[in-house]
N, C-alpha and C. Protein backbone atom coordinates (compact mmCIF):
# COMPACT_ATOMS: atom_id res chain seq x y z
N MET A 1 0.85 -1.19 0.00
CA MET A 1 0.00 0.00 0.00
C MET A 1 0.89 1.24 0.00
N ASP A 2 0.44 2.29 -0.64
CA ASP A 2 1.19 3.54 -0.75
C ASP A 2 1.43 4.15 0.63
N THR A 3 2.65 4.61 0.88
CA THR A 3 3.03 5.22 2.15
C THR A 3 2.19 6.45 2.47
N CYS A 4 1.87 7.26 1.45
CA CYS A 4 1.05 8.46 1.67
C CYS A 4 -0.33 8.11 2.19
N ILE A 5 -0.91 7.03 1.70
CA ILE A 5 -2.25 6.63 2.15
C ILE A 5 -2.19 6.16 3.59
N ILE A 6 -1.17 5.40 3.95
CA ILE A 6 -1.02 4.94 5.34
C ILE A 6 -0.81 6.13 6.26
N THR A 7 0.09 7.03 5.89
CA THR A 7 0.35 8.23 6.69
C THR A 7 -0.91 9.05 6.83
N SER A 8 -1.63 9.23 5.74
CA SER A 8 -2.86 10.01 5.74
C SER A 8 -3.89 9.41 6.69
N THR A 9 -4.05 8.11 6.65
CA THR A 9 -5.00 7.43 7.52
C THR A 9 -4.63 7.60 8.99
N ILE A 10 -3.37 7.39 9.30
CA ILE A 10 -2.91 7.52 10.70
C ILE A 10 -3.11 8.95 11.19
N LEU A 11 -2.69 9.93 10.40
CA LEU A 11 -2.83 11.33 10.81
C LEU A 11 -4.29 11.73 10.96
N SER A 12 -5.15 11.23 10.10
CA SER A 12 -6.57 11.55 10.20
C SER A 12 -7.18 10.97 11.47
N CYS A 13 -6.71 9.82 11.89
CA CYS A 13 -7.24 9.19 13.09
C CYS A 13 -6.71 9.82 14.39
N LEU A 14 -5.52 10.42 14.34
CA LEU A 14 -4.93 10.99 15.55
C LEU A 14 -5.78 12.11 16.15
N VAL A 15 -6.54 12.81 15.34
CA VAL A 15 -7.36 13.90 15.85
C VAL A 15 -8.42 13.38 16.82
N SER A 16 -8.78 12.12 16.72
CA SER A 16 -9.79 11.56 17.63
C SER A 16 -9.30 11.57 19.08
N PHE A 17 -7.98 11.62 19.30
CA PHE A 17 -7.46 11.74 20.66
C PHE A 17 -8.03 12.97 21.36
N LEU A 18 -8.20 14.06 20.60
CA LEU A 18 -8.72 15.29 21.18
C LEU A 18 -10.12 15.12 21.74
N TYR A 19 -10.86 14.19 21.19
CA TYR A 19 -12.26 14.05 21.54
C TYR A 19 -12.57 12.80 22.36
N VAL A 20 -11.57 12.18 22.94
CA VAL A 20 -11.81 10.93 23.66
C VAL A 20 -12.77 11.15 24.83
N GLY A 21 -12.65 12.27 25.54
CA GLY A 21 -13.59 12.58 26.62
C GLY A 21 -14.98 12.84 26.09
N SER A 22 -15.07 13.62 25.02
CA SER A 22 -16.38 13.92 24.42
C SER A 22 -17.02 12.66 23.86
N LEU A 23 -16.23 11.80 23.24
CA LEU A 23 -16.77 10.55 22.70
C LEU A 23 -17.29 9.66 23.82
N TYR A 24 -16.62 9.68 24.96
CA TYR A 24 -17.07 8.90 26.12
C TYR A 24 -18.42 9.42 26.62
N CYS A 25 -18.60 10.75 26.60
CA CYS A 25 -19.85 11.37 27.06
C CYS A 25 -20.96 11.29 26.03
N TRP A 26 -20.61 11.12 24.77
CA TRP A 26 -21.57 11.27 23.69
C TRP A 26 -22.82 10.41 23.83
N PRO A 27 -22.71 9.12 24.17
CA PRO A 27 -23.94 8.32 24.28
C PRO A 27 -24.92 8.88 25.32
N LYS A 28 -24.42 9.63 26.28
CA LYS A 28 -25.26 10.19 27.34
C LYS A 28 -25.93 11.48 26.89
N GLN A 29 -25.45 12.07 25.80
CA GLN A 29 -26.00 13.34 25.32
C GLN A 29 -26.89 13.07 24.11
N THR A 30 -27.67 14.08 23.75
CA THR A 30 -28.50 13.95 22.55
C THR A 30 -27.60 13.96 21.32
N HIS A 31 -27.91 13.14 20.38
CA HIS A 31 -27.12 13.09 19.15
C HIS A 31 -27.42 14.33 18.33
N ARG A 32 -26.41 15.09 17.97
CA ARG A 32 -26.58 16.38 17.30
C ARG A 32 -27.17 16.25 15.90
N ILE A 33 -26.76 15.24 15.16
CA ILE A 33 -27.16 15.15 13.76
C ILE A 33 -28.66 14.91 13.63
N GLY A 34 -29.26 14.16 14.53
CA GLY A 34 -30.67 13.84 14.44
C GLY A 34 -31.56 15.05 14.39
N SER A 35 -31.14 16.15 14.99
CA SER A 35 -32.00 17.33 15.04
C SER A 35 -31.66 18.37 13.97
N LEU A 36 -30.65 18.12 13.18
CA LEU A 36 -30.26 19.09 12.15
C LEU A 36 -30.95 18.81 10.82
N ALA A 37 -31.19 19.87 10.10
CA ALA A 37 -31.75 19.72 8.75
C ALA A 37 -30.69 19.12 7.84
N VAL A 38 -31.13 18.41 6.83
CA VAL A 38 -30.23 17.75 5.89
C VAL A 38 -29.29 18.77 5.23
N SER A 39 -29.80 19.94 4.90
CA SER A 39 -28.95 20.94 4.24
C SER A 39 -27.81 21.40 5.15
N LEU A 40 -28.06 21.52 6.45
CA LEU A 40 -27.00 21.89 7.38
C LEU A 40 -25.96 20.79 7.51
N VAL A 41 -26.41 19.56 7.48
CA VAL A 41 -25.49 18.43 7.55
C VAL A 41 -24.58 18.43 6.33
N ILE A 42 -25.16 18.61 5.16
CA ILE A 42 -24.36 18.64 3.93
C ILE A 42 -23.39 19.82 3.96
N ARG A 43 -23.86 20.99 4.39
CA ARG A 43 -23.01 22.18 4.45
C ARG A 43 -21.87 22.01 5.46
N ASN A 44 -22.19 21.61 6.68
CA ASN A 44 -21.20 21.56 7.76
C ASN A 44 -20.21 20.41 7.67
N TYR A 45 -20.67 19.28 7.16
CA TYR A 45 -19.81 18.09 7.19
C TYR A 45 -19.26 17.68 5.84
N MET A 46 -19.73 18.33 4.78
CA MET A 46 -19.21 18.01 3.45
C MET A 46 -18.70 19.25 2.71
N ILE A 47 -19.58 20.19 2.43
CA ILE A 47 -19.23 21.35 1.60
C ILE A 47 -18.18 22.23 2.29
N ALA A 48 -18.42 22.62 3.54
CA ALA A 48 -17.48 23.50 4.24
C ALA A 48 -16.09 22.87 4.37
N PRO A 49 -15.97 21.63 4.84
CA PRO A 49 -14.62 21.05 4.92
C PRO A 49 -13.92 20.95 3.57
N ILE A 50 -14.64 20.59 2.53
CA ILE A 50 -14.02 20.45 1.21
C ILE A 50 -13.54 21.81 0.71
N THR A 51 -14.43 22.81 0.73
CA THR A 51 -14.04 24.11 0.19
C THR A 51 -12.98 24.80 1.03
N GLU A 52 -13.13 24.76 2.36
CA GLU A 52 -12.14 25.42 3.21
C GLU A 52 -10.77 24.77 3.10
N GLU A 53 -10.73 23.47 3.04
CA GLU A 53 -9.43 22.79 2.93
C GLU A 53 -8.81 23.00 1.56
N LEU A 54 -9.62 23.01 0.52
CA LEU A 54 -9.07 23.31 -0.81
C LEU A 54 -8.47 24.71 -0.84
N ILE A 55 -9.16 25.67 -0.21
CA ILE A 55 -8.68 27.06 -0.21
C ILE A 55 -7.46 27.22 0.69
N PHE A 56 -7.56 26.80 1.95
CA PHE A 56 -6.50 27.10 2.91
C PHE A 56 -5.31 26.15 2.83
N ARG A 57 -5.54 24.89 2.56
CA ARG A 57 -4.41 23.95 2.46
C ARG A 57 -4.01 23.76 1.01
N GLY A 58 -4.97 23.43 0.16
CA GLY A 58 -4.67 23.12 -1.23
C GLY A 58 -4.11 24.29 -2.02
N VAL A 59 -4.59 25.50 -1.76
CA VAL A 59 -4.13 26.66 -2.52
C VAL A 59 -3.20 27.54 -1.68
N LEU A 60 -3.72 28.13 -0.61
CA LEU A 60 -2.96 29.11 0.17
C LEU A 60 -1.66 28.53 0.73
N SER A 61 -1.74 27.42 1.45
CA SER A 61 -0.53 26.84 2.04
C SER A 61 0.47 26.39 0.98
N THR A 62 -0.06 25.83 -0.10
CA THR A 62 0.81 25.36 -1.18
C THR A 62 1.55 26.54 -1.82
N LEU A 63 0.88 27.67 -1.97
CA LEU A 63 1.54 28.85 -2.55
C LEU A 63 2.51 29.49 -1.55
N LEU A 64 2.10 29.61 -0.30
CA LEU A 64 2.95 30.26 0.70
C LEU A 64 4.26 29.49 0.93
N VAL A 65 4.19 28.18 0.94
CA VAL A 65 5.39 27.38 1.24
C VAL A 65 6.44 27.52 0.14
N LYS A 66 6.04 27.98 -1.03
CA LYS A 66 7.00 28.21 -2.11
C LYS A 66 7.83 29.47 -1.86
N CYS A 67 7.27 30.39 -1.06
CA CYS A 67 7.95 31.67 -0.80
C CYS A 67 8.47 31.79 0.63
N TRP A 68 7.85 31.07 1.56
CA TRP A 68 8.19 31.20 2.97
C TRP A 68 8.66 29.85 3.51
N SER A 69 9.15 29.89 4.73
CA SER A 69 9.53 28.64 5.40
C SER A 69 8.26 27.87 5.76
N LEU A 70 8.41 26.59 6.03
CA LEU A 70 7.27 25.76 6.42
C LEU A 70 6.63 26.32 7.70
N ARG A 71 7.44 26.69 8.67
CA ARG A 71 6.93 27.23 9.93
C ARG A 71 6.11 28.50 9.69
N SER A 72 6.62 29.43 8.90
CA SER A 72 5.90 30.67 8.61
C SER A 72 4.60 30.38 7.86
N THR A 73 4.65 29.43 6.95
CA THR A 73 3.45 29.03 6.20
C THR A 73 2.40 28.46 7.14
N LEU A 74 2.82 27.58 8.05
CA LEU A 74 1.88 26.99 9.00
C LEU A 74 1.23 28.06 9.86
N ILE A 75 2.03 29.00 10.35
CA ILE A 75 1.51 30.05 11.22
C ILE A 75 0.56 30.98 10.46
N MET A 76 1.00 31.48 9.31
CA MET A 76 0.17 32.44 8.57
C MET A 76 -1.13 31.82 8.06
N SER A 77 -1.06 30.66 7.45
CA SER A 77 -2.28 30.05 6.93
C SER A 77 -3.24 29.70 8.07
N SER A 78 -2.70 29.31 9.22
CA SER A 78 -3.55 28.97 10.38
C SER A 78 -4.20 30.21 10.97
N LEU A 79 -3.46 31.30 11.06
CA LEU A 79 -4.05 32.55 11.56
C LEU A 79 -5.16 33.04 10.63
N LEU A 80 -4.93 32.95 9.33
CA LEU A 80 -5.95 33.36 8.37
C LEU A 80 -7.18 32.45 8.45
N PHE A 81 -6.94 31.16 8.64
CA PHE A 81 -8.04 30.21 8.80
C PHE A 81 -8.85 30.56 10.05
N GLY A 82 -8.16 30.84 11.16
CA GLY A 82 -8.85 31.21 12.39
C GLY A 82 -9.63 32.50 12.23
N PHE A 83 -9.01 33.50 11.60
CA PHE A 83 -9.68 34.78 11.39
C PHE A 83 -10.90 34.62 10.48
N SER A 84 -10.81 33.74 9.51
CA SER A 84 -11.93 33.56 8.58
C SER A 84 -13.16 32.97 9.28
N HIS A 85 -12.97 32.42 10.46
CA HIS A 85 -14.10 31.87 11.21
C HIS A 85 -14.69 32.88 12.19
N SER A 86 -14.25 34.13 12.11
CA SER A 86 -14.79 35.16 13.01
C SER A 86 -16.23 35.51 12.64
N HIS A 87 -16.71 35.08 11.49
CA HIS A 87 -18.11 35.35 11.13
C HIS A 87 -19.07 34.73 12.14
N HIS A 88 -18.67 33.64 12.79
CA HIS A 88 -19.51 33.05 13.83
C HIS A 88 -19.75 34.07 14.93
N TYR A 89 -18.71 34.79 15.27
CA TYR A 89 -18.78 35.79 16.31
C TYR A 89 -19.62 36.99 15.87
N ILE A 90 -19.50 37.39 14.63
CA ILE A 90 -20.27 38.52 14.12
C ILE A 90 -21.77 38.22 14.20
N PHE A 91 -22.16 36.99 13.84
CA PHE A 91 -23.58 36.62 13.94
C PHE A 91 -24.03 36.63 15.39
N GLU A 92 -23.17 36.20 16.30
CA GLU A 92 -23.50 36.19 17.72
C GLU A 92 -23.73 37.61 18.23
N ILE A 93 -22.87 38.55 17.83
CA ILE A 93 -23.02 39.95 18.25
C ILE A 93 -24.33 40.52 17.72
N ASN A 94 -24.64 40.24 16.45
CA ASN A 94 -25.88 40.76 15.88
C ASN A 94 -27.10 40.23 16.61
N ASP A 95 -27.03 38.98 17.08
CA ASP A 95 -28.13 38.43 17.86
C ASP A 95 -28.25 39.13 19.22
N MET A 96 -27.13 39.55 19.78
CA MET A 96 -27.13 40.19 21.09
C MET A 96 -27.49 41.68 21.00
N ARG A 97 -27.39 42.25 19.82
CA ARG A 97 -27.73 43.64 19.55
C ARG A 97 -26.77 44.66 20.15
N ARG A 98 -25.78 44.25 20.86
CA ARG A 98 -24.80 45.20 21.38
C ARG A 98 -23.49 44.47 21.64
N VAL A 99 -22.42 45.21 21.64
CA VAL A 99 -21.10 44.65 21.86
C VAL A 99 -20.62 45.10 23.23
N THR A 100 -20.21 44.15 24.04
CA THR A 100 -19.61 44.47 25.34
C THR A 100 -18.30 43.72 25.44
N ALA A 101 -17.53 44.03 26.46
CA ALA A 101 -16.23 43.38 26.64
C ALA A 101 -16.38 41.88 26.80
N ARG A 102 -17.46 41.42 27.45
CA ARG A 102 -17.58 39.97 27.64
C ARG A 102 -17.96 39.25 26.37
N ASN A 103 -18.40 39.96 25.34
CA ASN A 103 -18.72 39.32 24.07
C ASN A 103 -17.46 38.82 23.36
N TYR A 104 -16.31 39.32 23.73
CA TYR A 104 -15.09 38.94 23.02
C TYR A 104 -14.59 37.56 23.41
N GLY A 105 -15.00 37.04 24.55
CA GLY A 105 -14.58 35.71 24.99
C GLY A 105 -14.88 34.62 23.98
N PRO A 106 -16.14 34.50 23.54
CA PRO A 106 -16.46 33.47 22.55
C PRO A 106 -15.70 33.65 21.23
N ALA A 107 -15.47 34.90 20.84
CA ALA A 107 -14.74 35.16 19.59
C ALA A 107 -13.31 34.67 19.72
N LEU A 108 -12.67 34.97 20.84
CA LEU A 108 -11.29 34.53 21.04
C LEU A 108 -11.20 33.01 21.14
N GLU A 109 -12.18 32.38 21.80
CA GLU A 109 -12.21 30.91 21.87
C GLU A 109 -12.32 30.32 20.47
N GLN A 110 -13.27 30.83 19.70
CA GLN A 110 -13.50 30.32 18.34
C GLN A 110 -12.27 30.51 17.47
N MET A 111 -11.69 31.69 17.51
CA MET A 111 -10.53 31.97 16.66
C MET A 111 -9.31 31.18 17.11
N THR A 112 -9.12 31.02 18.42
CA THR A 112 -8.00 30.22 18.92
C THR A 112 -8.17 28.76 18.51
N TYR A 113 -9.35 28.24 18.72
CA TYR A 113 -9.65 26.85 18.38
C TYR A 113 -9.44 26.59 16.89
N THR A 114 -9.98 27.47 16.04
CA THR A 114 -9.86 27.25 14.60
C THR A 114 -8.44 27.51 14.10
N THR A 115 -7.71 28.40 14.76
CA THR A 115 -6.30 28.62 14.39
C THR A 115 -5.49 27.38 14.72
N LEU A 116 -5.69 26.81 15.90
CA LEU A 116 -4.97 25.58 16.27
C LEU A 116 -5.36 24.42 15.36
N PHE A 117 -6.65 24.34 15.05
CA PHE A 117 -7.08 23.30 14.11
C PHE A 117 -6.42 23.51 12.75
N GLY A 118 -6.36 24.76 12.29
CA GLY A 118 -5.73 25.07 11.01
C GLY A 118 -4.27 24.63 10.98
N MET A 119 -3.58 24.82 12.11
CA MET A 119 -2.19 24.39 12.22
C MET A 119 -2.10 22.87 12.08
N TYR A 120 -2.99 22.18 12.78
CA TYR A 120 -2.99 20.72 12.72
C TYR A 120 -3.32 20.24 11.30
N ALA A 121 -4.33 20.83 10.69
CA ALA A 121 -4.72 20.43 9.34
C ALA A 121 -3.59 20.67 8.34
N SER A 122 -2.85 21.76 8.54
CA SER A 122 -1.70 22.04 7.66
C SER A 122 -0.60 21.00 7.83
N VAL A 123 -0.32 20.64 9.07
CA VAL A 123 0.70 19.61 9.32
C VAL A 123 0.26 18.29 8.68
N VAL A 124 -1.02 17.94 8.87
CA VAL A 124 -1.55 16.71 8.26
C VAL A 124 -1.40 16.77 6.74
N TYR A 125 -1.73 17.92 6.16
CA TYR A 125 -1.64 18.06 4.70
C TYR A 125 -0.20 17.94 4.21
N PHE A 126 0.73 18.64 4.84
CA PHE A 126 2.11 18.60 4.37
C PHE A 126 2.76 17.25 4.62
N LYS A 127 2.35 16.55 5.66
CA LYS A 127 2.94 15.24 5.94
C LYS A 127 2.37 14.17 5.00
N SER A 128 1.05 14.20 4.79
CA SER A 128 0.44 13.16 3.96
C SER A 128 0.51 13.46 2.46
N ARG A 129 0.61 14.74 2.12
CA ARG A 129 0.61 15.19 0.72
C ARG A 129 -0.70 14.85 0.00
N LEU A 130 -1.78 14.65 0.76
CA LEU A 130 -3.09 14.36 0.20
C LEU A 130 -4.11 15.32 0.79
N ILE A 131 -4.88 16.01 -0.03
CA ILE A 131 -5.86 16.98 0.45
C ILE A 131 -7.02 16.30 1.17
N ILE A 132 -7.26 15.03 0.88
CA ILE A 132 -8.36 14.31 1.53
C ILE A 132 -8.12 14.18 3.04
N SER A 133 -6.87 14.14 3.47
CA SER A 133 -6.58 13.99 4.90
C SER A 133 -7.13 15.14 5.73
N PRO A 134 -6.78 16.39 5.42
CA PRO A 134 -7.37 17.48 6.22
C PRO A 134 -8.88 17.62 6.01
N ILE A 135 -9.39 17.21 4.86
CA ILE A 135 -10.84 17.28 4.65
C ILE A 135 -11.55 16.32 5.61
N LEU A 136 -11.03 15.10 5.74
CA LEU A 136 -11.64 14.14 6.66
C LEU A 136 -11.53 14.59 8.11
N VAL A 137 -10.37 15.12 8.48
CA VAL A 137 -10.17 15.62 9.84
C VAL A 137 -11.12 16.79 10.11
N HIS A 138 -11.26 17.67 9.14
CA HIS A 138 -12.14 18.84 9.27
C HIS A 138 -13.59 18.39 9.45
N SER A 139 -14.03 17.43 8.66
CA SER A 139 -15.39 16.91 8.78
C SER A 139 -15.63 16.33 10.16
N PHE A 140 -14.68 15.56 10.64
CA PHE A 140 -14.79 14.95 11.97
C PHE A 140 -14.86 16.02 13.05
N CYS A 141 -14.00 17.03 12.96
CA CYS A 141 -14.00 18.10 13.97
C CYS A 141 -15.29 18.91 13.91
N ASN A 142 -15.83 19.14 12.73
CA ASN A 142 -17.12 19.83 12.62
C ASN A 142 -18.23 19.00 13.26
N LEU A 143 -18.17 17.70 13.07
CA LEU A 143 -19.16 16.81 13.67
C LEU A 143 -19.08 16.86 15.19
N MET A 144 -17.88 16.83 15.71
CA MET A 144 -17.70 16.81 17.16
C MET A 144 -17.93 18.19 17.78
N GLY A 145 -17.60 19.25 17.04
CA GLY A 145 -17.75 20.60 17.57
C GLY A 145 -16.73 20.92 18.65
N PHE A 146 -16.88 22.08 19.25
CA PHE A 146 -16.00 22.47 20.35
C PHE A 146 -16.32 21.57 21.53
N PRO A 147 -15.30 20.96 22.14
CA PRO A 147 -15.58 20.04 23.25
C PRO A 147 -16.45 20.69 24.34
N ASP A 148 -17.43 19.94 24.82
CA ASP A 148 -18.34 20.40 25.87
C ASP A 148 -17.61 20.35 27.20
N LEU A 149 -17.07 21.48 27.61
CA LEU A 149 -16.25 21.53 28.82
C LEU A 149 -17.05 21.15 30.06
N GLY A 150 -18.33 21.47 30.08
CA GLY A 150 -19.17 21.10 31.22
C GLY A 150 -19.29 19.59 31.37
N ALA A 151 -19.52 18.90 30.25
CA ALA A 151 -19.63 17.44 30.29
C ALA A 151 -18.29 16.79 30.62
N ILE A 152 -17.22 17.36 30.07
CA ILE A 152 -15.89 16.79 30.29
C ILE A 152 -15.47 16.90 31.75
N THR A 153 -15.76 18.03 32.37
CA THR A 153 -15.35 18.24 33.76
C THR A 153 -16.36 17.70 34.77
N SER A 154 -17.44 17.09 34.29
CA SER A 154 -18.47 16.59 35.20
C SER A 154 -18.03 15.35 35.98
N SER A 155 -17.05 14.63 35.48
CA SER A 155 -16.55 13.48 36.23
C SER A 155 -15.04 13.38 36.08
N LYS A 156 -14.41 12.82 37.09
CA LYS A 156 -12.95 12.67 37.06
C LYS A 156 -12.52 11.73 35.94
N HIS A 157 -13.32 10.72 35.69
CA HIS A 157 -13.00 9.73 34.66
C HIS A 157 -12.97 10.40 33.27
N THR A 158 -14.01 11.16 32.96
CA THR A 158 -14.09 11.85 31.68
C THR A 158 -12.98 12.88 31.54
N PHE A 159 -12.72 13.61 32.62
CA PHE A 159 -11.66 14.61 32.59
C PHE A 159 -10.31 13.95 32.34
N ALA A 160 -10.05 12.81 33.01
CA ALA A 160 -8.78 12.09 32.83
C ALA A 160 -8.65 11.59 31.39
N LEU A 161 -9.74 11.07 30.83
CA LEU A 161 -9.71 10.62 29.43
C LEU A 161 -9.41 11.77 28.49
N THR A 162 -10.06 12.91 28.73
CA THR A 162 -9.85 14.09 27.88
C THR A 162 -8.43 14.58 27.98
N LEU A 163 -7.91 14.68 29.19
CA LEU A 163 -6.54 15.16 29.38
C LEU A 163 -5.54 14.20 28.74
N THR A 164 -5.74 12.90 28.92
CA THR A 164 -4.87 11.90 28.30
C THR A 164 -4.92 12.00 26.78
N GLY A 165 -6.14 12.11 26.24
CA GLY A 165 -6.30 12.25 24.79
C GLY A 165 -5.62 13.49 24.26
N PHE A 166 -5.77 14.61 24.98
CA PHE A 166 -5.14 15.86 24.55
C PHE A 166 -3.62 15.73 24.55
N LEU A 167 -3.07 15.12 25.59
CA LEU A 167 -1.61 14.96 25.66
C LEU A 167 -1.10 14.02 24.56
N LEU A 168 -1.82 12.95 24.29
CA LEU A 168 -1.43 12.03 23.21
C LEU A 168 -1.47 12.74 21.86
N TRP A 169 -2.53 13.54 21.66
CA TRP A 169 -2.64 14.30 20.42
C TRP A 169 -1.50 15.30 20.29
N LEU A 170 -1.21 16.01 21.37
CA LEU A 170 -0.13 17.00 21.35
C LEU A 170 1.21 16.35 21.05
N LEU A 171 1.49 15.21 21.67
CA LEU A 171 2.73 14.49 21.39
C LEU A 171 2.80 14.06 19.92
N SER A 172 1.66 13.59 19.40
CA SER A 172 1.65 13.17 18.00
C SER A 172 1.89 14.34 17.06
N VAL A 173 1.34 15.51 17.39
CA VAL A 173 1.55 16.69 16.56
C VAL A 173 3.03 17.08 16.56
N PHE A 174 3.64 17.11 17.75
CA PHE A 174 5.06 17.45 17.82
C PHE A 174 5.92 16.44 17.07
N TYR A 175 5.57 15.17 17.18
CA TYR A 175 6.33 14.13 16.48
C TYR A 175 6.22 14.31 14.97
N VAL A 176 4.99 14.50 14.49
CA VAL A 176 4.76 14.65 13.05
C VAL A 176 5.44 15.91 12.54
N TYR A 177 5.30 17.02 13.28
CA TYR A 177 5.89 18.27 12.86
C TYR A 177 7.42 18.15 12.79
N SER A 178 8.01 17.48 13.76
CA SER A 178 9.48 17.35 13.76
C SER A 178 9.97 16.44 12.63
N ASN A 179 9.07 15.65 12.04
CA ASN A 179 9.46 14.77 10.95
C ASN A 179 8.95 15.23 9.59
N LEU A 180 8.56 16.50 9.49
CA LEU A 180 8.12 17.02 8.18
C LEU A 180 9.29 17.20 7.26
């Protein structure tokens, strides 16, 4: 079997470490997909991951790495990816009808989360050399959403699983990045 396909599969699966606590809690929570309209499912889990990964990894990162170092490319494309998700925050502000200092918390969380995800997706893309890898990871992360911190911290067992998963994921990212 082709080495790129094996690498791609392994890297795509490593992101599940981040969600080990959430996956443990999931059967106890309502399943998110059951309540969503079909069009939202297609948009969030198929169209958005495909188009965003083609733009940010397939085009932007590929062009930037020709002019910049790999590290600079990872940072810049990830920051732009995070910033491009600030529209979630803009819709939230419009719903609230006013902007206050506490409104910035969710925006910073969203942008930090998507910037870190963008970094991971870029590493996956450059290591596997296949655009399908970050697309699959992106779809999975959209499905899981931002980890439910309330559910994760509700029990020591879930918190330990989440912390272990996060550390395993972090180690895998450092390992993969050091071998690019």
